[in-house]
């Protein structure tokens, strides 16, 4: 697919931005404004950078540097790698993955084939500057479906959009959103009208998955990243309701394998062209996730390669500790990080949102082996989990250190 064809499908016309031969930033907060600005920018010939309106000064300054270097790429007929989607991961850094109409179209085709959908209709709750929110819109636009943006605050007030039961609708949620909705019977009834409920953005704890299954919700657990234009493997709802809890099989346009170090490697037609301003060669992409693939071809993610805590000479996976702490029911949210420690090298520290009733820590750690028991439990005021459900572990470590130092003073 060419860039001009994508612009046409999005409702843009050549007259909107025919003269634009320079980089453009799309950073509108409201979905209608974002969609209009993006459609117009897609009609141009320069690079298009997606930006989070809430970025701090440092990230905005970094974006400014990228924009300056992007002027040299603004040449007529540019069709490859022109769409810059932010990919900060959990490290807190800022980088942009290069995509274009071709990679986006490949991701949409694979998605539709995997779920046997000829048309996608979606309710959009996730921000459009993030790959998950953007791809929900792209799937609708490229298949002639309806994209209905909605505000999460409206959902919390009990106001959700009406959807027709005769049409297949999908929605993407992060785990904490689903947890909130499961507490409201009317919201559960509304969710049952969807053909698929995509659940991603972070780890899904077992109790939440079982709650969703008990409520007979058509959940799809998936795995993907900005670099692959979102989803590369996904569980079909029937598999989920039958008890499967992996990230499902690879989509038709993707090949996944586990290398000798236990790391997930991906080859895909939707693979990004490189991190701006660089380009990458085509071929396999080595992720930062460790995983395993079952005999049935189901991918299971077991943790981040770079997230291991070395404490007292022993390795601790923060995700394993988080699952136990969540299962205790003592926390609304929790994040486990390693903090430099003179005695342990790294101390296992559990952080939770401040302002809640103090958890029963003894109950929370029941079942954890000695090295996995957090040395400290730290309440954090500004909880660093973004709208996509990802926990910024770098920010969490900084907040934990600040609290620890304050108590030591």
Protein backbone atom coordinates (compact mmCIF):
# COMPACT_ATOMS: atom_id res chain seq x y z
CA UNK A 1 0.00 0.00 0.00
CA UNK A 2 1.23 3.50 -0.88
CA UNK A 3 1.14 6.46 1.47
CA UNK A 4 -1.38 8.27 -0.72
CA UNK A 5 -3.78 5.32 -0.54
CA UNK A 6 -3.57 5.27 3.27
CA UNK A 7 -4.29 9.01 3.36
CA UNK A 8 -7.33 8.46 1.13
CA UNK A 9 -8.69 5.69 3.38
CA UNK A 10 -8.31 7.99 6.37
CA UNK A 11 -10.34 10.68 4.65
CA UNK A 12 -7.47 12.95 3.69
CA UNK A 13 -7.23 14.62 0.30
CA UNK A 14 -4.22 15.74 -1.68
CA UNK A 15 -5.28 19.35 -1.25
CA UNK A 16 -4.98 19.09 2.56
CA UNK A 17 -1.21 18.99 2.63
CA UNK A 18 0.12 18.78 -0.92
CA UNK A 19 2.62 21.53 -0.17
CA UNK A 20 3.95 19.93 3.01
CA UNK A 21 7.45 18.64 2.37
CA UNK A 22 8.65 18.98 5.95
CA UNK A 23 8.37 16.91 9.14
CA UNK A 24 5.10 17.18 11.05
CA UNK A 25 4.23 16.48 14.69
CA UNK A 26 0.80 15.10 15.53
CA UNK A 27 0.19 15.61 19.25
CA UNK A 28 -3.49 16.46 19.61
CA UNK A 29 -5.16 15.37 22.85
CA UNK A 30 -8.67 14.81 21.50
CA UNK A 31 -9.22 11.85 19.18
CA UNK A 32 -11.15 13.78 16.47
CA UNK A 33 -8.44 16.48 16.34
CA UNK A 34 -5.68 13.86 16.25
CA UNK A 35 -7.37 11.93 13.45
CA UNK A 36 -7.85 15.07 11.36
CA UNK A 37 -4.26 16.20 11.89
CA UNK A 38 -2.85 12.75 11.10
CA UNK A 39 -4.95 12.34 7.95
CA UNK A 40 -3.76 15.72 6.72
CA UNK A 41 -0.12 14.98 7.52
CA UNK A 42 -0.33 11.61 5.74
CA UNK A 43 -1.18 13.52 2.55
CA UNK A 44 2.14 15.31 2.71
CA UNK A 45 5.61 14.07 1.85
CA UNK A 46 7.55 14.66 5.05
CA UNK A 47 8.10 12.54 8.13
CA UNK A 48 5.21 12.34 10.61
CA UNK A 49 6.06 12.10 14.32
CA UNK A 50 3.43 11.01 16.84
CA UNK A 51 3.81 12.70 20.21
CA UNK A 52 2.30 12.40 23.67
CA UNK A 53 0.95 15.85 24.68
CA UNK A 54 1.98 15.18 28.30
CA UNK A 55 5.68 14.67 27.58
CA UNK A 56 8.03 16.53 29.90
CA UNK A 57 10.54 19.16 28.80
CA UNK A 58 13.30 16.64 28.26
CA UNK A 59 11.29 14.52 25.84
CA UNK A 60 9.98 17.53 23.98
CA UNK A 61 13.56 18.75 23.58
CA UNK A 62 14.58 15.34 22.24
CA UNK A 63 11.68 15.44 19.79
CA UNK A 64 12.90 18.86 18.64
CA UNK A 65 16.32 17.37 17.87
CA UNK A 66 14.72 14.61 15.83
CA UNK A 67 12.63 17.11 13.89
CA UNK A 68 15.72 19.10 12.95
CA UNK A 69 17.44 16.03 11.53
CA UNK A 70 14.25 14.91 9.75
CA UNK A 71 14.29 17.89 7.37
CA UNK A 72 16.89 16.16 5.24
CA UNK A 73 14.53 13.25 4.64
CA UNK A 74 11.62 15.36 3.43
CA UNK A 75 11.80 14.58 -0.26
CA UNK A 76 8.94 14.06 -2.69
CA UNK A 77 7.75 10.49 -3.12
CA UNK A 78 8.92 9.36 0.33
CA UNK A 79 6.91 6.19 0.99
CA UNK A 80 9.06 4.13 3.35
CA UNK A 81 9.69 4.72 7.03
CA UNK A 82 7.92 8.09 7.17
CA UNK A 83 5.69 7.37 10.17
CA UNK A 84 7.55 7.74 13.48
CA UNK A 85 5.78 5.99 16.36
CA UNK A 86 7.22 6.59 19.85
CA UNK A 87 8.67 3.55 21.53
CA UNK A 88 10.04 4.30 24.96
CA UNK A 89 9.45 0.83 26.40
CA UNK A 90 9.86 0.56 30.18
CA UNK A 91 13.29 2.20 30.20
CA UNK A 92 11.97 5.76 30.16
CA UNK A 93 14.00 6.73 27.07
CA UNK A 94 12.56 8.17 23.86
CA UNK A 95 12.98 6.64 20.44
CA UNK A 96 10.84 6.44 17.32
CA UNK A 97 10.19 3.29 15.31
CA UNK A 98 9.88 3.90 11.57
CA UNK A 99 6.70 2.61 9.97
CA UNK A 100 4.74 3.35 6.81
CA UNK A 101 1.58 2.37 4.96
CA UNK A 102 3.13 -0.93 3.90
CA UNK A 103 4.04 -2.15 7.40
CA UNK A 104 0.72 -0.96 8.82
CA UNK A 105 -1.25 -2.72 6.04
CA UNK A 106 0.65 -5.98 6.62
CA UNK A 107 -0.25 -5.86 10.32
CA UNK A 108 -3.94 -5.24 9.50
CA UNK A 109 -4.07 -8.11 6.99
CA UNK A 110 -2.49 -10.54 9.44
CA UNK A 111 -4.86 -9.42 12.20
CA UNK A 112 -7.97 -9.88 10.07
CA UNK A 113 -6.90 -13.30 8.82
CA UNK A 114 -6.04 -14.53 12.32
CA UNK A 115 -9.41 -13.50 13.77
CA UNK A 116 -11.41 -14.20 10.58
CA UNK A 117 -12.70 -10.63 10.34
CA UNK A 118 -13.52 -9.02 7.01
CA UNK A 119 -14.40 -5.74 8.70
CA UNK A 120 -13.23 -4.30 12.02
CA UNK A 121 -15.41 -2.08 14.19
CA UNK A 122 -13.70 -0.82 17.33
CA UNK A 123 -14.35 1.26 20.42
CA UNK A 124 -11.14 3.18 21.07
CA UNK A 125 -10.12 3.94 24.65
CA UNK A 126 -6.34 3.98 24.23
CA UNK A 127 -4.48 7.10 23.03
CA UNK A 128 -3.92 7.32 19.28
CA UNK A 129 -0.29 8.43 19.61
CA UNK A 130 0.47 4.97 21.03
CA UNK A 131 0.75 2.01 18.67
CA UNK A 132 -2.14 0.10 20.33
CA UNK A 133 -4.57 2.98 19.93
CA UNK A 134 -3.33 3.88 16.46
CA UNK A 135 -3.67 0.33 15.13
CA UNK A 136 -7.25 0.04 16.42
CA UNK A 137 -8.09 3.01 14.19
CA UNK A 138 -6.01 1.72 11.25
CA UNK A 139 -7.80 -1.66 11.30
CA UNK A 140 -11.17 0.06 11.04
CA UNK A 141 -10.08 2.48 8.32
CA UNK A 142 -8.46 -0.18 6.15
CA UNK A 143 -11.42 -2.57 6.33
CA UNK A 144 -14.22 -0.05 5.95
CA UNK A 145 -15.33 -0.44 9.56
CA UNK A 146 -16.35 2.04 12.24
CA UNK A 147 -13.94 3.49 14.79
CA UNK A 148 -15.70 5.04 17.78
CA UNK A 149 -13.39 6.91 20.15
CA UNK A 150 -14.48 7.10 23.76
CA UNK A 151 -13.12 8.56 26.97
CA UNK A 152 -12.15 6.33 29.89
CA UNK A 153 -13.49 8.90 32.34
CA UNK A 154 -16.91 8.48 30.73
CA UNK A 155 -16.62 4.72 31.17
CA UNK A 156 -15.84 5.18 34.87
CA UNK A 157 -19.02 7.26 35.18
CA UNK A 158 -21.03 4.39 33.71
CA UNK A 159 -21.47 5.94 30.28
CA UNK A 160 -20.40 3.62 27.50
CA UNK A 161 -21.19 3.72 23.79
CA UNK A 162 -24.01 1.63 22.39
CA UNK A 163 -22.87 -1.06 19.99
CA UNK A 164 -25.05 -3.19 17.75
CA UNK A 165 -25.08 -6.83 18.61
CA UNK A 166 -25.47 -7.75 14.92
CA UNK A 167 -22.05 -6.27 14.06
CA UNK A 168 -18.68 -7.64 15.24
CA UNK A 169 -17.09 -5.09 17.59
CA UNK A 170 -13.74 -5.21 19.35
CA UNK A 171 -12.17 -3.21 22.16
CA UNK A 172 -8.67 -2.97 23.64
CA UNK A 173 -8.19 -2.64 27.39
CA UNK A 174 -5.28 -2.67 29.79
CA UNK A 175 -5.47 -4.97 32.80
CA UNK A 176 -6.32 -2.28 35.34
CA UNK A 177 -9.23 -1.08 33.17
CA UNK A 178 -10.68 -4.58 32.94
CA UNK A 179 -10.27 -5.01 36.69
CA UNK A 180 -12.31 -1.86 37.27
CA UNK A 181 -15.07 -2.88 34.83
CA UNK A 182 -15.43 -6.35 36.32
CA UNK A 183 -16.61 -4.71 39.55
CA UNK A 184 -19.69 -3.27 37.79
CA UNK A 185 -22.35 -5.80 36.65
CA UNK A 186 -23.74 -3.44 33.98
CA UNK A 187 -20.23 -2.95 32.58
CA UNK A 188 -19.74 -6.72 32.39
CA UNK A 189 -22.97 -7.04 30.42
CA UNK A 190 -21.74 -4.33 28.05
CA UNK A 191 -18.40 -6.09 27.56
CA UNK A 192 -20.18 -9.34 26.63
CA UNK A 193 -21.50 -7.62 23.49
CA UNK A 194 -18.02 -7.46 22.00
CA UNK A 195 -16.71 -10.20 19.78
CA UNK A 196 -13.17 -9.71 21.10
CA UNK A 197 -11.73 -7.91 24.13
CA UNK A 198 -8.00 -7.43 23.65
CA UNK A 199 -6.08 -7.34 26.88
CA UNK A 200 -2.51 -6.09 26.80
CA UNK A 201 -0.14 -3.33 27.78
CA UNK A 202 1.38 -5.29 30.66
CA UNK A 203 1.25 -8.54 32.60
CA UNK A 204 -2.16 -10.01 33.33
CA UNK A 205 -2.27 -11.61 36.75
CA UNK A 206 -3.92 -15.05 36.94
CA UNK A 207 -6.79 -13.97 39.21
CA UNK A 208 -7.88 -11.30 36.72
CA UNK A 209 -7.84 -13.79 33.84
CA UNK A 210 -9.95 -16.24 35.84
CA UNK A 211 -12.43 -13.49 36.76
CA UNK A 212 -12.82 -12.58 33.10
CA UNK A 213 -13.31 -16.22 32.11
CA UNK A 214 -15.87 -16.75 34.87
CA UNK A 215 -17.76 -13.74 33.52
CA UNK A 216 -17.69 -15.39 30.06
CA UNK A 217 -15.87 -12.44 28.47
CA UNK A 218 -14.35 -13.02 24.99
CA UNK A 219 -10.83 -12.04 26.01
CA UNK A 220 -7.78 -12.26 23.76
CA UNK A 221 -4.37 -12.21 25.43
CA UNK A 222 -1.76 -10.99 22.97
CA UNK A 223 1.85 -10.06 22.51
CA UNK A 224 3.22 -7.28 20.37
CA UNK A 225 5.26 -4.10 20.32
CA UNK A 226 5.65 -0.79 18.57
CA UNK A 227 8.37 -2.25 16.38
CA UNK A 228 5.94 -4.77 14.84
CA UNK A 229 2.96 -2.39 14.46
CA UNK A 230 1.36 -3.96 17.54
CA UNK A 231 0.17 -7.57 17.64
CA UNK A 232 2.37 -10.48 16.52
CA UNK A 233 0.67 -13.30 18.42
CA UNK A 234 -2.78 -13.53 19.96
CA UNK A 235 -5.07 -15.97 21.73
CA UNK A 236 -8.51 -16.42 20.21
CA UNK A 237 -11.38 -15.87 22.68
CA UNK A 238 -12.54 -19.48 22.37
CA UNK A 239 -9.07 -20.63 23.42
CA UNK A 240 -9.12 -18.25 26.38
CA UNK A 241 -12.54 -19.46 27.54
CA UNK A 242 -11.29 -23.05 27.23
CA UNK A 243 -8.54 -22.32 29.75
CA UNK A 244 -5.52 -21.32 27.65
CA UNK A 245 -3.54 -18.43 29.20
CA UNK A 246 -0.66 -17.87 26.79
CA UNK A 247 -0.25 -15.11 24.18
CA UNK A 248 -1.54 -17.48 21.51
CA UNK A 249 -0.15 -18.38 18.11
CA UNK A 250 1.73 -16.10 15.75
CA UNK A 251 -0.40 -14.14 13.29
CA UNK A 252 -0.09 -15.22 9.62
CA UNK A 253 2.35 -12.46 8.69
CA UNK A 254 4.70 -13.27 11.59
CA UNK A 255 7.26 -15.90 12.50
CA UNK A 256 8.39 -16.17 16.14
CA UNK A 257 11.13 -18.29 17.61
CA UNK A 258 13.14 -18.51 20.83
CA UNK A 259 16.92 -18.17 20.51
CA UNK A 260 19.58 -19.98 22.53
CA UNK A 261 19.38 -17.34 25.27
CA UNK A 262 15.63 -17.87 25.69
CA UNK A 263 14.82 -14.54 24.02
CA UNK A 264 11.85 -14.03 21.68
CA UNK A 265 12.88 -13.23 18.08
CA UNK A 266 10.39 -12.00 15.51
CA UNK A 267 10.31 -11.86 11.71
CA UNK A 268 7.35 -10.01 10.22
CA UNK A 269 6.07 -8.15 7.17
CA UNK A 270 5.00 -5.42 9.61
CA UNK A 271 8.50 -4.99 11.08
CA UNK A 272 9.69 -1.43 11.56
CA UNK A 273 12.33 0.07 9.24
CA UNK A 274 14.64 1.14 12.07
CA UNK A 275 14.85 3.65 14.90
CA UNK A 276 14.91 7.19 13.58
CA UNK A 277 17.22 8.55 12.26
CA UNK A 278 18.76 5.14 11.49
CA UNK A 279 17.51 2.36 9.24
CA UNK A 280 17.68 -1.37 9.86
CA UNK A 281 18.26 -4.26 7.52
CA UNK A 282 15.32 -6.56 6.90
CA UNK A 283 15.33 -9.78 8.87
CA UNK A 284 14.80 -11.09 12.34
CA UNK A 285 14.38 -8.72 15.29
CA UNK A 286 15.61 -9.77 18.72
CA UNK A 287 13.26 -8.47 21.41
CA UNK A 288 13.98 -7.77 25.08
CA UNK A 289 11.51 -10.44 26.21
CA UNK A 290 12.20 -13.98 27.31
CA UNK A 291 9.65 -16.59 26.34
CA UNK A 292 8.83 -20.14 25.35
CA UNK A 293 6.75 -21.69 22.58
CA UNK A 294 4.62 -24.75 23.32
CA UNK A 295 4.20 -27.78 21.09
CA UNK A 296 0.93 -26.22 19.89
CA UNK A 297 2.79 -23.09 18.84
CA UNK A 298 1.53 -20.89 21.68
CA UNK A 299 3.89 -18.15 22.82
CA UNK A 300 4.29 -17.57 26.54
CA UNK A 301 6.26 -14.56 27.81
CA UNK A 302 8.14 -15.32 31.02
CA UNK A 303 9.81 -11.97 31.68
CA UNK A 304 12.02 -9.16 30.46
CA UNK A 305 15.60 -10.01 29.65
CA UNK A 306 16.78 -6.76 31.22
CA UNK A 307 14.51 -6.89 34.28
CA UNK A 308 16.33 -9.50 36.36
CA UNK A 309 17.22 -8.46 39.92
CA UNK A 310 20.50 -9.90 41.22
CA UNK A 311 20.15 -10.02 44.99
CA UNK A 312 22.63 -11.81 47.23
CA UNK A 313 23.98 -13.56 44.15
CA UNK A 314 20.55 -14.96 43.20
CA UNK A 315 18.38 -13.98 40.25
CA UNK A 316 14.85 -12.76 40.86
CA UNK A 317 12.30 -12.04 38.13
CA UNK A 318 10.20 -9.05 39.26
CA UNK A 319 7.15 -10.34 37.36
CA UNK A 320 7.11 -13.53 39.45
CA UNK A 321 7.11 -11.57 42.70
CA UNK A 322 4.45 -9.17 41.38
CA UNK A 323 2.10 -12.05 40.56
CA UNK A 324 2.28 -13.39 44.13
CA UNK A 325 1.80 -9.97 45.67
CA UNK A 326 -1.21 -9.23 43.42
CA UNK A 327 -2.74 -12.61 44.17
CA UNK A 328 -2.73 -11.77 47.89
CA UNK A 329 -5.42 -9.15 47.25
CA UNK A 330 -3.54 -6.63 49.39
CA UNK A 331 -2.65 -4.22 46.57
CA UNK A 332 -4.66 -2.41 43.88
CA UNK A 333 -1.41 -2.25 41.90
CA UNK A 334 2.18 -3.20 42.62
CA UNK A 335 5.58 -3.00 40.95
CA UNK A 336 8.77 -4.78 41.97
CA UNK A 337 12.19 -3.30 41.22
CA UNK A 338 15.81 -3.73 42.23
CA UNK A 339 17.45 -0.93 44.19
CA UNK A 340 21.21 -0.75 44.78
CA UNK A 341 22.04 -2.06 48.26
CA UNK A 342 25.35 -2.37 50.12
CA UNK A 343 24.48 -5.75 51.63
CA UNK A 344 22.57 -7.44 48.81
CA UNK A 345 23.99 -5.80 45.70
CA UNK A 346 20.39 -5.16 44.72
CA UNK A 347 17.51 -5.22 47.17
CA UNK A 348 14.09 -6.44 46.03
CA UNK A 349 11.72 -3.52 46.63
CA UNK A 350 7.93 -3.64 46.19
CA UNK A 351 6.20 -0.36 45.40
CA UNK A 352 2.48 0.35 45.60
CA UNK A 353 0.24 3.43 45.14
CA UNK A 354 0.31 5.69 48.20
CA UNK A 355 -2.90 6.70 49.95
CA UNK A 356 -4.39 3.23 50.31
CA UNK A 357 -5.05 1.31 53.52
CA UNK A 358 -1.71 -0.17 54.54
CA UNK A 359 -1.46 -3.71 53.16
CA UNK A 360 -0.89 -6.77 55.33
CA UNK A 361 2.70 -7.37 54.24
CA UNK A 362 3.04 -10.72 56.03
CA UNK A 363 0.01 -12.04 54.18
CA UNK A 364 1.26 -10.61 50.89
CA UNK A 365 4.60 -12.45 50.93
CA UNK A 366 3.22 -15.87 51.88
CA UNK A 367 4.47 -18.37 49.33
CA UNK A 368 7.55 -16.39 48.29
CA UNK A 369 10.98 -17.97 48.74
CA UNK A 370 13.40 -16.03 50.93
CA UNK A 371 15.33 -14.28 48.15
CA UNK A 372 12.09 -13.08 46.53
CA UNK A 373 10.61 -11.48 49.65
CA UNK A 374 10.88 -7.70 49.24
CA UNK A 375 13.31 -6.04 51.64
CA UNK A 376 11.13 -2.94 51.59
CA UNK A 377 7.57 -1.98 50.73
CA UNK A 378 7.44 1.59 49.45
CA UNK A 379 4.30 3.72 48.91
CA UNK A 380 4.64 5.88 45.78
CA UNK A 381 2.54 9.03 45.36
CA UNK A 382 2.81 9.58 41.59
CA UNK A 383 2.16 6.06 40.32
CA UNK A 384 4.09 5.72 36.99
CA UNK A 385 1.79 3.47 34.98
CA UNK A 386 0.80 5.02 31.65
CA UNK A 387 -2.48 4.90 29.73
CA UNK A 388 -1.38 1.73 27.94
CA UNK A 389 -0.87 -0.08 31.24
CA UNK A 390 2.94 -0.10 31.11
CA UNK A 391 4.86 0.52 34.28
CA UNK A 392 7.81 2.89 33.92
CA UNK A 393 10.29 0.95 36.04
CA UNK A 394 12.96 3.64 35.74
CA UNK A 395 10.54 6.18 37.27
CA UNK A 396 9.49 3.64 39.90
CA UNK A 397 13.11 3.04 40.95
CA UNK A 398 13.71 6.80 41.20
CA UNK A 399 10.58 7.24 43.34
CA UNK A 400 11.51 4.31 45.59
CA UNK A 401 15.02 5.65 46.16
CA UNK A 402 13.61 9.07 47.06
CA UNK A 403 11.30 7.57 49.68
CA UNK A 404 14.03 5.32 51.09
CA UNK A 405 16.51 8.19 51.42
CA UNK A 406 13.88 10.34 53.11
CA UNK A 407 13.27 7.67 55.73
CA UNK A 408 17.00 7.20 56.30
CA UNK A 409 17.59 10.94 56.82
